[in-house]
Amino acid sequence: MKHENVYLNSYPDVMEMEAGLGGWFSFYNHERPHQALGYRTPAEVYRGAAAVGP
């Protein structure tokens, strides 16, 4: 997060930082595929685990 967002953006205040990080977390969890998760997103993996649950 710090290297992909915080260090690359010069947020002028806390409100803009919260909005910017909110967008980044949404992208990270719902759009960005992760190699360690078989090129699925964390949201896809979570939904799959929830569907298989006890």
C-alpha atoms as a PDB file:
ATOM      1  CA  MET A   1       0.000   0.000   0.000  1.00  0.00           C
ATOM      2  CA  LYS A   2       2.692   2.484   0.938  1.00  0.00           C
ATOM      3  CA  HIS A   3       4.773   1.832  -2.179  1.00  0.00           C
ATOM      4  CA  GLU A   4       1.820   1.573  -4.581  1.00  0.00           C
ATOM      5  CA  ASN A   5      -0.197   4.520  -3.284  1.00  0.00           C
ATOM      6  CA  VAL A   6       0.986   6.569  -0.311  1.00  0.00           C
ATOM      7  CA  TYR A   7       4.525   7.274  -1.524  1.00  0.00           C
ATOM      8  CA  LEU A   8       3.310   8.039  -5.062  1.00  0.00           C
ATOM      9  CA  ASN A   9       0.650  10.569  -4.018  1.00  0.00           C
ATOM     10  CA  SER A  10       1.108  13.787  -2.183  1.00  0.00           C
ATOM     11  CA  TYR A  11      -2.148  13.987  -0.261  1.00  0.00           C
ATOM     12  CA  PRO A  12      -2.831  17.555   0.901  1.00  0.00           C
ATOM     13  CA  ASP A  13      -5.020  16.496   3.842  1.00  0.00           C
ATOM     14  CA  VAL A  14      -6.404  13.510   5.711  1.00  0.00           C
ATOM     15  CA  MET A  15      -9.777  13.546   3.935  1.00  0.00           C
ATOM     16  CA  GLU A  16      -8.148  13.219   0.519  1.00  0.00           C
ATOM     17  CA  MET A  17      -5.815  10.524   1.820  1.00  0.00           C
ATOM     18  CA  GLU A  18      -8.783   8.521   3.156  1.00  0.00           C
ATOM     19  CA  ALA A  19     -10.571   8.822  -0.195  1.00  0.00           C
ATOM     20  CA  GLY A  20      -7.443   7.856  -2.128  1.00  0.00           C
ATOM     21  CA  LEU A  21      -6.735   4.854   0.079  1.00  0.00           C
ATOM     22  CA  GLY A  22     -10.379   3.781  -0.070  1.00  0.00           C
ATOM     23  CA  GLY A  23     -10.150   3.668  -3.852  1.00  0.00           C
ATOM     24  CA  TRP A  24      -6.862   1.806  -3.715  1.00  0.00           C
ATOM     25  CA  PHE A  25      -8.215  -0.826  -1.294  1.00  0.00           C
ATOM     26  CA  SER A  26     -11.252  -1.323  -3.517  1.00  0.00           C
ATOM     27  CA  PHE A  27      -8.995  -1.814  -6.546  1.00  0.00           C
ATOM     28  CA  TYR A  28      -6.668  -4.134  -4.594  1.00  0.00           C
ATOM     29  CA  ASN A  29      -9.462  -6.355  -3.300  1.00  0.00           C
ATOM     30  CA  HIS A  30     -11.886  -6.379  -6.257  1.00  0.00           C
ATOM     31  CA  GLU A  31      -9.926  -5.738  -9.469  1.00  0.00           C
ATOM     32  CA  ARG A  32      -6.228  -6.589  -9.058  1.00  0.00           C
ATOM     33  CA  PRO A  33      -5.455 -10.294  -9.624  1.00  0.00           C
ATOM     34  CA  HIS A  34      -2.940 -11.805  -7.201  1.00  0.00           C
ATOM     35  CA  GLN A  35      -0.427 -14.406  -8.337  1.00  0.00           C
ATOM     36  CA  ALA A  36      -0.489 -16.165  -4.953  1.00  0.00           C
ATOM     37  CA  LEU A  37      -4.269 -16.575  -5.278  1.00  0.00           C
ATOM     38  CA  GLY A  38      -4.156 -18.183  -8.713  1.00  0.00           C
ATOM     39  CA  TYR A  39      -4.636 -14.822 -10.445  1.00  0.00           C
ATOM     40  CA  ARG A  40      -7.942 -14.279  -8.646  1.00  0.00           C
ATOM     41  CA  THR A  41      -8.832 -11.266  -6.552  1.00  0.00           C
ATOM     42  CA  PRO A  42      -9.080 -11.480  -2.750  1.00  0.00           C
ATOM     43  CA  ALA A  43     -12.829 -10.837  -3.073  1.00  0.00           C
ATOM     44  CA  GLU A  44     -13.223 -13.821  -5.433  1.00  0.00           C
ATOM     45  CA  VAL A  45     -11.309 -16.068  -3.057  1.00  0.00           C
ATOM     46  CA  TYR A  46     -13.334 -14.852  -0.067  1.00  0.00           C
ATOM     47  CA  ARG A  47     -16.658 -15.383  -1.867  1.00  0.00           C
ATOM     48  CA  GLY A  48     -15.520 -18.870  -2.889  1.00  0.00           C
ATOM     49  CA  ALA A  49     -14.541 -19.752   0.686  1.00  0.00           C
ATOM     50  CA  ALA A  50     -17.835 -18.365   2.015  1.00  0.00           C
ATOM     51  CA  ALA A  51     -19.811 -20.469  -0.482  1.00  0.00           C
ATOM     52  CA  VAL A  52     -18.009 -23.662   0.574  1.00  0.00           C
ATOM     53  CA  GLY A  53     -18.183 -22.957   4.314  1.00  0.00           C
ATOM     54  CA  PRO A  54     -19.698 -25.302   6.923  1.00  0.00           C
END
